[in-house]
Amino acid sequence: MNITVSKEDSAMTVALEGRLDTTTSPSLESELKEKLGDTQDLTFDFEKLEYISSAGLRVLLSTQKKMNKQGTMVIVNANDDIKDVFDVTGFSDILTIE
């Protein structure tokens, strides 16, 4: 999986490419721990994300909990398969998906 982070002032965009699963989610988690800091507006761009597992969902949930305290988090460009995973797991009720 490729992780591309761009930050401007208090806004940060994290673009993911590939698969967010048990193998790759620790990389995303450490990247977020390192760079989230004082971010108030976090955007995940899932345009090139092909797959998400329960491990990836766990990272999103913990990040959402952190962002609830310091700002907003939104997911954009998720494909239909990933949206289905969010719907089936109930994450579409927890996360902001555009």
Protein backbone atom coordinates (compact mmCIF):
# COMPACT_ATOMS: atom_id res chain seq x y z
CA MET A 1 0.00 0.00 0.00
CA ASN A 2 1.15 3.53 -0.76
CA ILE A 3 0.38 6.34 1.68
CA THR A 4 0.61 9.93 0.47
CA VAL A 5 0.22 12.65 3.10
CA SER A 6 -0.17 16.32 2.29
CA LYS A 7 -0.60 18.93 4.98
CA GLU A 8 -1.50 22.59 4.73
CA ASP A 9 -1.93 24.55 7.96
CA SER A 10 -4.38 22.55 10.09
CA ALA A 11 -5.74 20.47 7.15
CA MET A 12 -4.28 17.12 6.20
CA THR A 13 -5.13 14.76 3.34
CA VAL A 14 -4.13 11.10 3.41
CA ALA A 15 -4.40 9.33 0.05
CA LEU A 16 -4.25 5.54 0.14
CA GLU A 17 -3.45 3.26 -2.78
CA GLY A 18 -3.74 -0.52 -2.73
CA ARG A 19 -5.02 -2.64 0.17
CA LEU A 20 -5.61 -1.55 3.76
CA ASP A 21 -5.42 -4.84 5.63
CA THR A 22 -3.70 -6.63 8.52
CA THR A 23 -0.31 -6.28 6.84
CA THR A 24 -0.55 -2.60 5.88
CA SER A 25 -2.71 -1.03 8.60
CA PRO A 26 0.19 -0.72 11.11
CA SER A 27 1.99 1.50 8.56
CA LEU A 28 -1.02 3.80 8.31
CA GLU A 29 -1.44 3.85 12.08
CA SER A 30 2.18 4.88 12.69
CA GLU A 31 2.01 7.47 9.89
CA LEU A 32 -1.08 9.02 11.48
CA LYS A 33 0.44 8.99 14.98
CA GLU A 34 3.49 10.77 13.64
CA LYS A 35 1.74 13.41 11.53
CA LEU A 36 -1.77 13.96 12.92
CA GLY A 37 -0.61 16.36 15.66
CA ASP A 38 -2.72 19.52 15.59
CA THR A 39 -4.68 18.60 12.45
CA GLN A 40 -8.24 19.94 12.60
CA ASP A 41 -9.49 18.82 9.18
CA LEU A 42 -8.52 15.30 8.11
CA THR A 43 -9.48 13.92 4.70
CA PHE A 44 -8.89 10.35 3.60
CA ASP A 45 -8.84 10.02 -0.19
CA PHE A 46 -9.76 6.43 -1.08
CA GLU A 47 -9.79 6.91 -4.88
CA LYS A 48 -7.06 4.29 -5.36
CA LEU A 49 -7.87 2.10 -2.35
CA GLU A 50 -8.95 -1.33 -3.57
CA TYR A 51 -9.75 -3.17 -0.34
CA ILE A 52 -10.22 -2.58 3.38
CA SER A 53 -10.22 -5.26 6.10
CA SER A 54 -11.32 -5.18 9.73
CA ALA A 55 -7.78 -4.12 10.68
CA GLY A 56 -8.14 -1.09 8.40
CA LEU A 57 -11.55 -0.33 9.88
CA ARG A 58 -10.02 -0.38 13.35
CA VAL A 59 -7.46 2.27 12.32
CA LEU A 60 -10.24 4.44 10.87
CA LEU A 61 -12.33 4.08 14.03
CA SER A 62 -9.47 5.02 16.36
CA THR A 63 -8.59 7.97 14.11
CA GLN A 64 -12.25 9.09 14.08
CA LYS A 65 -12.31 9.02 17.90
CA LYS A 66 -9.19 11.20 18.02
CA MET A 67 -10.55 13.61 15.41
CA ASN A 68 -13.86 13.93 17.31
CA LYS A 69 -11.81 15.69 20.01
CA GLN A 70 -9.82 17.98 17.73
CA GLY A 71 -11.72 18.52 14.49
CA THR A 72 -13.36 16.71 11.59
CA MET A 73 -12.62 13.64 9.50
CA VAL A 74 -14.08 12.81 6.11
CA ILE A 75 -13.59 9.98 3.61
CA VAL A 76 -13.84 10.83 -0.09
CA ASN A 77 -13.75 8.86 -3.35
CA ALA A 78 -14.47 5.44 -1.82
CA ASN A 79 -15.42 2.83 -4.42
CA ASP A 80 -18.66 0.83 -4.23
CA ASP A 81 -16.98 -2.23 -2.67
CA ILE A 82 -15.54 -0.18 0.18
CA LYS A 83 -18.85 1.66 0.65
CA ASP A 84 -20.52 -1.76 0.93
CA VAL A 85 -18.07 -2.74 3.69
CA PHE A 86 -18.90 0.50 5.52
CA ASP A 87 -22.64 -0.19 5.14
CA VAL A 88 -22.49 -3.83 6.27
CA THR A 89 -20.32 -3.04 9.31
CA GLY A 90 -22.31 0.06 10.30
CA PHE A 91 -19.30 2.30 9.77
CA SER A 92 -21.33 4.43 7.35
CA ASP A 93 -23.24 5.62 10.43
CA ILE A 94 -20.03 6.47 12.31
CA LEU A 95 -17.86 7.96 9.57
CA THR A 96 -18.48 10.91 7.27
CA ILE A 97 -18.31 9.52 3.74
CA GLU A 98 -18.67 11.79 0.72
